[in-house]
Amino acid sequence: MNVLNALIFALFGTTMELLPRVFPLWFPPTGADQASARALWLDVMGAVQIGLGSGYLLRAHVVPAVVRILSAVPAGDRGSLALPDPRIVAGR
C-alpha cells in the first residue's frame, strides 16, 4: 500500500459511512427492528476501510515523524538520582 491507496481507502470508507445518512430512502428498513442490512453493511465496511487507510498513514508517516521529532529534542539533565554520601551528611 502507498499513500495514495491509503487516502483512497479512507475517502471510500467515509463515503460508505455517509451514504445511508445522506440518502436514507435508498436504504429501506428490512429487519424486525426496522434496521437496514444494507446500511449496517456499509457502516461496518466503511469503518474497516477508514481503519485500514488511516492505520497505514499512522504507521508509515505519523509515528516515524513523531519519533524523529522526539529524538531531536535534547535530553538535558534527566534528573539522575544519587544518594548522598552518609559520611558527609553525618559531619565526618
PDB file of N, CA and C in Angstrom:
ATOM      1  N   MET A   1       0.851  -1.170   0.000  1.00  0.00           N
ATOM      2  CA  MET A   1       0.000   0.000   0.000  1.00  0.00           C
ATOM      3  C   MET A   1       0.896   1.233   0.000  1.00  0.00           C
ATOM      4  N   ASN A   2       0.443   2.274  -0.627  1.00  0.00           N
ATOM      5  CA  ASN A   2       1.155   3.545  -0.595  1.00  0.00           C
ATOM      6  C   ASN A   2       0.202   4.644  -0.102  1.00  0.00           C
ATOM      7  N   VAL A   3       0.704   5.850  -0.070  1.00  0.00           N
ATOM      8  CA  VAL A   3      -0.085   6.952   0.491  1.00  0.00           C
ATOM      9  C   VAL A   3      -1.362   7.193  -0.313  1.00  0.00           C
ATOM     10  N   LEU A   4      -1.265   7.137  -1.620  1.00  0.00           N
ATOM     11  CA  LEU A   4      -2.447   7.376  -2.452  1.00  0.00           C
ATOM     12  C   LEU A   4      -3.506   6.308  -2.186  1.00  0.00           C
ATOM     13  N   ASN A   5      -3.078   5.054  -2.114  1.00  0.00           N
ATOM     14  CA  ASN A   5      -4.040   3.989  -1.818  1.00  0.00           C
ATOM     15  C   ASN A   5      -4.688   4.198  -0.455  1.00  0.00           C
ATOM     16  N   ALA A   6      -3.902   4.573   0.545  1.00  0.00           N
ATOM     17  CA  ALA A   6      -4.435   4.774   1.894  1.00  0.00           C
ATOM     18  C   ALA A   6      -5.449   5.914   1.911  1.00  0.00           C
ATOM     19  N   LEU A   7      -5.147   6.986   1.214  1.00  0.00           N
ATOM     20  CA  LEU A   7      -6.089   8.108   1.156  1.00  0.00           C
ATOM     21  C   LEU A   7      -7.381   7.715   0.444  1.00  0.00           C
ATOM     22  N   ILE A   8      -7.265   6.936  -0.625  1.00  0.00           N
ATOM     23  CA  ILE A   8      -8.458   6.487  -1.342  1.00  0.00           C
ATOM     24  C   ILE A   8      -9.272   5.537  -0.468  1.00  0.00           C
ATOM     25  N   PHE A   9      -8.596   4.634   0.270  1.00  0.00           N
ATOM     26  CA  PHE A   9      -9.302   3.753   1.197  1.00  0.00           C
ATOM     27  C   PHE A   9     -10.098   4.579   2.203  1.00  0.00           C
ATOM     28  N   ALA A  10      -9.456   5.570   2.810  1.00  0.00           N
ATOM     29  CA  ALA A  10     -10.136   6.384   3.821  1.00  0.00           C
ATOM     30  C   ALA A  10     -11.275   7.189   3.206  1.00  0.00           C
ATOM     31  N   LEU A  11     -11.081   7.738   2.026  1.00  0.00           N
ATOM     32  CA  LEU A  11     -12.132   8.503   1.357  1.00  0.00           C
ATOM     33  C   LEU A  11     -13.302   7.604   0.968  1.00  0.00           C
ATOM     34  N   PHE A  12     -12.996   6.422   0.459  1.00  0.00           N
ATOM     35  CA  PHE A  12     -14.049   5.480   0.082  1.00  0.00           C
ATOM     36  C   PHE A  12     -14.825   5.020   1.320  1.00  0.00           C
ATOM     37  N   GLY A  13     -14.133   4.782   2.411  1.00  0.00           N
ATOM     38  CA  GLY A  13     -14.788   4.395   3.654  1.00  0.00           C
ATOM     39  C   GLY A  13     -15.681   5.497   4.196  1.00  0.00           C
ATOM     40  N   THR A  14     -15.205   6.729   4.092  1.00  0.00           N
ATOM     41  CA  THR A  14     -16.020   7.859   4.539  1.00  0.00           C
ATOM     42  C   THR A  14     -17.287   7.976   3.695  1.00  0.00           C
ATOM     43  N   THR A  15     -17.153   7.764   2.402  1.00  0.00           N
ATOM     44  CA  THR A  15     -18.325   7.788   1.521  1.00  0.00           C
ATOM     45  C   THR A  15     -19.305   6.686   1.896  1.00  0.00           C
ATOM     46  N   MET A  16     -18.768   5.497   2.203  1.00  0.00           N
ATOM     47  CA  MET A  16     -19.630   4.388   2.605  1.00  0.00           C
ATOM     48  C   MET A  16     -20.352   4.708   3.911  1.00  0.00           C
ATOM     49  N   GLU A  17     -19.674   5.372   4.825  1.00  0.00           N
ATOM     50  CA  GLU A  17     -20.295   5.741   6.103  1.00  0.00           C
ATOM     51  C   GLU A  17     -21.383   6.806   5.919  1.00  0.00           C
ATOM     52  N   LEU A  18     -21.160   7.735   5.017  1.00  0.00           N
ATOM     53  CA  LEU A  18     -22.090   8.854   4.852  1.00  0.00           C
ATOM     54  C   LEU A  18     -23.301   8.532   3.979  1.00  0.00           C
ATOM     55  N   LEU A  19     -23.171   7.560   3.109  1.00  0.00           N
ATOM     56  CA  LEU A  19     -24.236   7.265   2.145  1.00  0.00           C
ATOM     57  C   LEU A  19     -25.592   6.995   2.810  1.00  0.00           C
ATOM     58  N   PRO A  20     -25.692   6.126   3.825  1.00  0.00           N
ATOM     59  CA  PRO A  20     -27.011   5.895   4.446  1.00  0.00           C
ATOM     60  C   PRO A  20     -27.557   7.119   5.172  1.00  0.00           C
ATOM     61  N   ARG A  21     -26.684   7.997   5.619  1.00  0.00           N
ATOM     62  CA  ARG A  21     -27.159   9.184   6.327  1.00  0.00           C
ATOM     63  C   ARG A  21     -27.631  10.271   5.364  1.00  0.00           C
ATOM     64  N   VAL A  22     -26.979  10.352   4.222  1.00  0.00           N
ATOM     65  CA  VAL A  22     -27.333  11.382   3.246  1.00  0.00           C
ATOM     66  C   VAL A  22     -28.563  10.973   2.436  1.00  0.00           C
ATOM     67  N   PHE A  23     -28.642   9.685   2.083  1.00  0.00           N
ATOM     68  CA  PHE A  23     -29.757   9.194   1.275  1.00  0.00           C
ATOM     69  C   PHE A  23     -30.474   8.059   2.006  1.00  0.00           C
ATOM     70  N   PRO A  24     -31.246   8.377   3.054  1.00  0.00           N
ATOM     71  CA  PRO A  24     -31.889   7.301   3.834  1.00  0.00           C
ATOM     72  C   PRO A  24     -32.956   6.542   3.053  1.00  0.00           C
ATOM     73  N   LEU A  25     -33.543   7.142   2.039  1.00  0.00           N
ATOM     74  CA  LEU A  25     -34.584   6.448   1.277  1.00  0.00           C
ATOM     75  C   LEU A  25     -34.011   5.323   0.418  1.00  0.00           C
ATOM     76  N   TRP A  26     -32.719   5.344   0.150  1.00  0.00           N
ATOM     77  CA  TRP A  26     -32.091   4.269  -0.618  1.00  0.00           C
ATOM     78  C   TRP A  26     -31.936   3.002   0.217  1.00  0.00           C
ATOM     79  N   PHE A  27     -32.103   3.118   1.523  1.00  0.00           N
ATOM     80  CA  PHE A  27     -31.874   2.002   2.437  1.00  0.00           C
ATOM     81  C   PHE A  27     -33.121   1.763   3.283  1.00  0.00           C
ATOM     82  N   PRO A  28     -34.141   1.146   2.698  1.00  0.00           N
ATOM     83  CA  PRO A  28     -35.383   0.916   3.455  1.00  0.00           C
ATOM     84  C   PRO A  28     -35.155  -0.112   4.571  1.00  0.00           C
ATOM     85  N   PRO A  29     -35.892   0.028   5.664  1.00  0.00           N
ATOM     86  CA  PRO A  29     -35.745  -0.932   6.760  1.00  0.00           C
ATOM     87  C   PRO A  29     -36.220  -2.316   6.342  1.00  0.00           C
ATOM     88  N   THR A  30     -35.419  -3.323   6.644  1.00  0.00           N
ATOM     89  CA  THR A  30     -35.765  -4.692   6.246  1.00  0.00           C
ATOM     90  C   THR A  30     -35.867  -5.639   7.434  1.00  0.00           C
ATOM     91  N   GLY A  31     -35.314  -5.269   8.571  1.00  0.00           N
ATOM     92  CA  GLY A  31     -35.297  -6.169   9.723  1.00  0.00           C
ATOM     93  C   GLY A  31     -36.485  -5.950  10.634  1.00  0.00           C
ATOM     94  N   ALA A  32     -36.613  -6.849  11.594  1.00  0.00           N
ATOM     95  CA  ALA A  32     -37.699  -6.745  12.567  1.00  0.00           C
ATOM     96  C   ALA A  32     -37.528  -5.506  13.437  1.00  0.00           C
ATOM     97  N   ASP A  33     -36.287  -5.066  13.605  1.00  0.00           N
ATOM     98  CA  ASP A  33     -36.026  -3.869  14.411  1.00  0.00           C
ATOM     99  C   ASP A  33     -35.979  -2.611  13.561  1.00  0.00           C
ATOM    100  N   GLN A  34     -36.485  -2.704  12.333  1.00  0.00           N
ATOM    101  CA  GLN A  34     -36.545  -1.583  11.389  1.00  0.00           C
ATOM    102  C   GLN A  34     -35.157  -1.067  11.014  1.00  0.00           C
ATOM    103  N   ALA A  35     -34.171  -1.969  11.004  1.00  0.00           N
ATOM    104  CA  ALA A  35     -32.826  -1.614  10.569  1.00  0.00           C
ATOM    105  C   ALA A  35     -32.635  -2.089   9.136  1.00  0.00           C
ATOM    106  N   SER A  36     -31.762  -1.427   8.447  1.00  0.00           N
ATOM    107  CA  SER A  36     -31.472  -1.793   7.068  1.00  0.00           C
ATOM    108  C   SER A  36     -30.158  -2.571   7.031  1.00  0.00           C
ATOM    109  N   ALA A  37     -30.212  -3.762   6.479  1.00  0.00           N
ATOM    110  CA  ALA A  37     -29.000  -4.573   6.374  1.00  0.00           C
ATOM    111  C   ALA A  37     -27.979  -3.902   5.459  1.00  0.00           C
ATOM    112  N   ARG A  38     -28.444  -3.241   4.432  1.00  0.00           N
ATOM    113  CA  ARG A  38     -27.528  -2.536   3.532  1.00  0.00           C
ATOM    114  C   ARG A  38     -26.799  -1.408   4.261  1.00  0.00           C
ATOM    115  N   ALA A  39     -27.549  -0.655   5.051  1.00  0.00           N
ATOM    116  CA  ALA A  39     -26.936   0.459   5.786  1.00  0.00           C
ATOM    117  C   ALA A  39     -25.953  -0.060   6.831  1.00  0.00           C
ATOM    118  N   LEU A  40     -26.309  -1.139   7.525  1.00  0.00           N
ATOM    119  CA  LEU A  40     -25.399  -1.709   8.514  1.00  0.00           C
ATOM    120  C   LEU A  40     -24.123  -2.224   7.853  1.00  0.00           C
ATOM    121  N   TRP A  41     -24.258  -2.871   6.692  1.00  0.00           N
ATOM    122  CA  TRP A  41     -23.091  -3.381   5.986  1.00  0.00           C
ATOM    123  C   TRP A  41     -22.188  -2.223   5.560  1.00  0.00           C
ATOM    124  N   LEU A  42     -22.781  -1.165   5.041  1.00  0.00           N
ATOM    125  CA  LEU A  42     -21.971  -0.011   4.628  1.00  0.00           C
ATOM    126  C   LEU A  42     -21.294   0.639   5.828  1.00  0.00           C
ATOM    127  N   ASP A  43     -21.970   0.700   6.966  1.00  0.00           N
ATOM    128  CA  ASP A  43     -21.365   1.275   8.167  1.00  0.00           C
ATOM    129  C   ASP A  43     -20.155   0.463   8.617  1.00  0.00           C
ATOM    130  N   VAL A  44     -20.316  -0.857   8.671  1.00  0.00           N
ATOM    131  CA  VAL A  44     -19.206  -1.706   9.130  1.00  0.00           C
ATOM    132  C   VAL A  44     -18.052  -1.677   8.140  1.00  0.00           C
ATOM    133  N   MET A  45     -18.349  -1.852   6.871  1.00  0.00           N
ATOM    134  CA  MET A  45     -17.277  -1.880   5.877  1.00  0.00           C
ATOM    135  C   MET A  45     -16.635  -0.500   5.709  1.00  0.00           C
ATOM    136  N   GLY A  46     -17.396   0.562   5.895  1.00  0.00           N
ATOM    137  CA  GLY A  46     -16.817   1.900   5.868  1.00  0.00           C
ATOM    138  C   GLY A  46     -15.835   2.099   7.009  1.00  0.00           C
ATOM    139  N   ALA A  47     -16.191   1.604   8.199  1.00  0.00           N
ATOM    140  CA  ALA A  47     -15.271   1.699   9.336  1.00  0.00           C
ATOM    141  C   ALA A  47     -14.003   0.891   9.082  1.00  0.00           C
ATOM    142  N   VAL A  48     -14.140  -0.269   8.454  1.00  0.00           N
ATOM    143  CA  VAL A  48     -12.962  -1.087   8.132  1.00  0.00           C
ATOM    144  C   VAL A  48     -12.071  -0.357   7.129  1.00  0.00           C
ATOM    145  N   GLN A  49     -12.670   0.218   6.110  1.00  0.00           N
ATOM    146  CA  GLN A  49     -11.894   0.945   5.100  1.00  0.00           C
ATOM    147  C   GLN A  49     -11.167   2.143   5.707  1.00  0.00           C
ATOM    148  N   ILE A  50     -11.875   2.888   6.544  1.00  0.00           N
ATOM    149  CA  ILE A  50     -11.246   4.040   7.200  1.00  0.00           C
ATOM    150  C   ILE A  50     -10.114   3.571   8.110  1.00  0.00           C
ATOM    151  N   GLY A  51     -10.332   2.488   8.832  1.00  0.00           N
ATOM    152  CA  GLY A  51      -9.295   1.955   9.709  1.00  0.00           C
ATOM    153  C   GLY A  51      -8.069   1.501   8.958  1.00  0.00           C
ATOM    154  N   LEU A  52      -8.256   0.832   7.822  1.00  0.00           N
ATOM    155  CA  LEU A  52      -7.107   0.393   7.025  1.00  0.00           C
ATOM    156  C   LEU A  52      -6.309   1.582   6.493  1.00  0.00           C
ATOM    157  N   GLY A  53      -7.006   2.549   5.924  1.00  0.00           N
ATOM    158  CA  GLY A  53      -6.308   3.703   5.352  1.00  0.00           C
ATOM    159  C   GLY A  53      -5.620   4.550   6.397  1.00  0.00           C
ATOM    160  N   SER A  54      -6.331   4.884   7.463  1.00  0.00           N
ATOM    161  CA  SER A  54      -5.725   5.738   8.489  1.00  0.00           C
ATOM    162  C   SER A  54      -4.672   4.979   9.287  1.00  0.00           C
ATOM    163  N   GLY A  55      -4.848   3.671   9.472  1.00  0.00           N
ATOM    164  CA  GLY A  55      -3.833   2.876  10.161  1.00  0.00           C
ATOM    165  C   GLY A  55      -2.522   2.865   9.404  1.00  0.00           C
ATOM    166  N   TYR A  56      -2.597   2.714   8.085  1.00  0.00           N
ATOM    167  CA  TYR A  56      -1.367   2.757   7.286  1.00  0.00           C
ATOM    168  C   TYR A  56      -0.713   4.122   7.384  1.00  0.00           C
ATOM    169  N   LEU A  57      -1.502   5.174   7.259  1.00  0.00           N
ATOM    170  CA  LEU A  57      -0.921   6.527   7.324  1.00  0.00           C
ATOM    171  C   LEU A  57      -0.274   6.782   8.680  1.00  0.00           C
ATOM    172  N   LEU A  58      -0.905   6.334   9.743  1.00  0.00           N
ATOM    173  CA  LEU A  58      -0.320   6.498  11.075  1.00  0.00           C
ATOM    174  C   LEU A  58       0.986   5.734  11.201  1.00  0.00           C
ATOM    175  N   ARG A  59       0.974   4.452  10.781  1.00  0.00           N
ATOM    176  CA  ARG A  59       2.145   3.603  10.953  1.00  0.00           C
ATOM    177  C   ARG A  59       3.294   4.029  10.044  1.00  0.00           C
ATOM    178  N   ALA A  60       2.989   4.453   8.837  1.00  0.00           N
ATOM    179  CA  ALA A  60       4.044   4.743   7.869  1.00  0.00           C
ATOM    180  C   ALA A  60       4.549   6.177   7.922  1.00  0.00           C
ATOM    181  N   HIS A  61       3.740   7.107   8.412  1.00  0.00           N
ATOM    182  CA  HIS A  61       4.159   8.505   8.334  1.00  0.00           C
ATOM    183  C   HIS A  61       4.103   9.251   9.667  1.00  0.00           C
ATOM    184  N   VAL A  62       3.040   9.078  10.423  1.00  0.00           N
ATOM    185  CA  VAL A  62       2.886   9.857  11.654  1.00  0.00           C
ATOM    186  C   VAL A  62       3.835   9.361  12.738  1.00  0.00           C
ATOM    187  N   VAL A  63       3.887   8.051  12.958  1.00  0.00           N
ATOM    188  CA  VAL A  63       4.754   7.512  14.007  1.00  0.00           C
ATOM    189  C   VAL A  63       6.227   7.823  13.732  1.00  0.00           C
ATOM    190  N   PRO A  64       6.748   7.589  12.512  1.00  0.00           N
ATOM    191  CA  PRO A  64       8.146   7.959  12.272  1.00  0.00           C
ATOM    192  C   PRO A  64       8.417   9.456  12.431  1.00  0.00           C
ATOM    193  N   ALA A  65       7.457  10.298  12.070  1.00  0.00           N
ATOM    194  CA  ALA A  65       7.651  11.741  12.238  1.00  0.00           C
ATOM    195  C   ALA A  65       7.723  12.107  13.712  1.00  0.00           C
ATOM    196  N   VAL A  66       6.868  11.515  14.525  1.00  0.00           N
ATOM    197  CA  VAL A  66       6.891  11.791  15.966  1.00  0.00           C
ATOM    198  C   VAL A  66       8.199  11.293  16.575  1.00  0.00           C
ATOM    199  N   VAL A  67       8.665  10.113  16.144  1.00  0.00           N
ATOM    200  CA  VAL A  67       9.936   9.585  16.653  1.00  0.00           C
ATOM    201  C   VAL A  67      11.088  10.508  16.272  1.00  0.00           C
ATOM    202  N   ARG A  68      11.093  11.007  15.046  1.00  0.00           N
ATOM    203  CA  ARG A  68      12.158  11.933  14.624  1.00  0.00           C
ATOM    204  C   ARG A  68      12.123  13.221  15.436  1.00  0.00           C
ATOM    205  N   ILE A  69      10.933  13.737  15.682  1.00  0.00           N
ATOM    206  CA  ILE A  69      10.811  14.973  16.458  1.00  0.00           C
ATOM    207  C   ILE A  69      11.269  14.753  17.888  1.00  0.00           C
ATOM    208  N   LEU A  70      10.823  13.665  18.500  1.00  0.00           N
ATOM    209  CA  LEU A  70      11.195  13.415  19.885  1.00  0.00           C
ATOM    210  C   LEU A  70      12.668  13.077  20.043  1.00  0.00           C
ATOM    211  N   SER A  71      13.274  12.453  19.037  1.00  0.00           N
ATOM    212  CA  SER A  71      14.692  12.142  19.145  1.00  0.00           C
ATOM    213  C   SER A  71      15.554  13.380  18.902  1.00  0.00           C
ATOM    214  N   ALA A  72      15.017  14.419  18.306  1.00  0.00           N
ATOM    215  CA  ALA A  72      15.767  15.643  18.077  1.00  0.00           C
ATOM    216  C   ALA A  72      15.776  16.549  19.300  1.00  0.00           C
ATOM    217  N   VAL A  73      14.862  16.323  20.222  1.00  0.00           N
ATOM    218  CA  VAL A  73      14.799  17.128  21.433  1.00  0.00           C
ATOM    219  C   VAL A  73      15.941  16.699  22.353  1.00  0.00           C
ATOM    220  N   PRO A  74      16.755  17.661  22.827  1.00  0.00           N
ATOM    221  CA  PRO A  74      17.862  17.270  23.694  1.00  0.00           C
ATOM    222  C   PRO A  74      17.352  16.706  25.020  1.00  0.00           C
ATOM    223  N   ALA A  75      18.052  15.699  25.495  1.00  0.00           N
ATOM    224  CA  ALA A  75      17.627  15.025  26.713  1.00  0.00           C
ATOM    225  C   ALA A  75      17.859  15.897  27.939  1.00  0.00           C
ATOM    226  N   GLY A  76      18.956  16.679  27.937  1.00  0.00           N
ATOM    227  CA  GLY A  76      19.256  17.541  29.077  1.00  0.00           C
ATOM    228  C   GLY A  76      19.582  16.712  30.298  1.00  0.00           C
ATOM    229  N   ASP A  77      19.387  17.285  31.452  1.00  0.00           N
ATOM    230  CA  ASP A  77      19.620  16.563  32.691  1.00  0.00           C
ATOM    231  C   ASP A  77      18.402  15.709  32.965  1.00  0.00           C
ATOM    232  N   ARG A  78      18.592  14.437  32.989  1.00  0.00           N
ATOM    233  CA  ARG A  78      17.466  13.514  33.187  1.00  0.00           C
ATOM    234  C   ARG A  78      17.106  13.388  34.651  1.00  0.00           C
ATOM    235  N   GLY A  79      17.730  14.189  35.499  1.00  0.00           N
ATOM    236  CA  GLY A  79      17.395  14.148  36.914  1.00  0.00           C
ATOM    237  C   GLY A  79      17.901  12.875  37.565  1.00  0.00           C
ATOM    238  N   SER A  80      19.175  12.598  37.362  1.00  0.00           N
ATOM    239  CA  SER A  80      19.715  11.362  37.918  1.00  0.00           C
ATOM    240  C   SER A  80      19.625  11.399  39.443  1.00  0.00           C
ATOM    241  N   LEU A  81      19.254  10.293  39.985  1.00  0.00           N
ATOM    242  CA  LEU A  81      19.055  10.185  41.414  1.00  0.00           C
ATOM    243  C   LEU A  81      20.316   9.602  42.037  1.00  0.00           C
ATOM    244  N   ALA A  82      20.930  10.353  42.916  1.00  0.00           N
ATOM    245  CA  ALA A  82      22.121   9.869  43.621  1.00  0.00           C
ATOM    246  C   ALA A  82      21.914  10.091  45.107  1.00  0.00           C
ATOM    247  N   LEU A  83      22.135   9.061  45.858  1.00  0.00           N
ATOM    248  CA  LEU A  83      22.001   9.178  47.306  1.00  0.00           C
ATOM    249  C   LEU A  83      23.219   9.903  47.872  1.00  0.00           C
ATOM    250  N   PRO A  84      22.998  10.740  48.860  1.00  0.00           N
ATOM    251  CA  PRO A  84      24.135  11.473  49.437  1.00  0.00           C
ATOM    252  C   PRO A  84      25.050  10.511  50.195  1.00  0.00           C
ATOM    253  N   ASP A  85      26.313  10.893  50.263  1.00  0.00           N
ATOM    254  CA  ASP A  85      27.292  10.098  50.994  1.00  0.00           C
ATOM    255  C   ASP A  85      27.002  10.220  52.485  1.00  0.00           C
ATOM    256  N   PRO A  86      26.811   9.118  53.195  1.00  0.00           N
ATOM    257  CA  PRO A  86      26.442   9.209  54.602  1.00  0.00           C
ATOM    258  C   PRO A  86      27.532   9.838  55.464  1.00  0.00           C
ATOM    259  N   ARG A  87      28.805   9.774  55.056  1.00  0.00           N
ATOM    260  CA  ARG A  87      29.881  10.387  55.849  1.00  0.00           C
ATOM    261  C   ARG A  87      29.793  11.901  55.817  1.00  0.00           C
ATOM    262  N   ILE A  88      29.350  12.437  54.655  1.00  0.00           N
ATOM    263  CA  ILE A  88      29.229  13.883  54.537  1.00  0.00           C
ATOM    264  C   ILE A  88      27.999  14.362  55.315  1.00  0.00           C
ATOM    265  N   VAL A  89      26.938  13.611  55.271  1.00  0.00           N
ATOM    266  CA  VAL A  89      25.715  14.001  55.957  1.00  0.00           C
ATOM    267  C   VAL A  89      25.913  13.958  57.463  1.00  0.00           C
ATOM    268  N   ALA A  90      26.662  12.966  57.966  1.00  0.00           N
ATOM    269  CA  ALA A  90      26.869  12.814  59.405  1.00  0.00           C
ATOM    270  C   ALA A  90      27.872  13.827  59.943  1.00  0.00           C
ATOM    271  N   GLY A  91      28.576  14.534  59.085  1.00  0.00           N
ATOM    272  CA  GLY A  91      29.516  15.557  59.501  1.00  0.00           C
ATOM    273  C   GLY A  91      30.926  15.045  59.798  1.00  0.00           C
ATOM    274  N   ARG A  92      31.290  13.926  59.259  1.00  0.00           N
ATOM    275  CA  ARG A  92      32.635  13.412  59.491  1.00  0.00           C
ATOM    276  C   ARG A  92      33.638  14.023  58.598  1.00  0.00           C
TER     277      ARG A  92
END
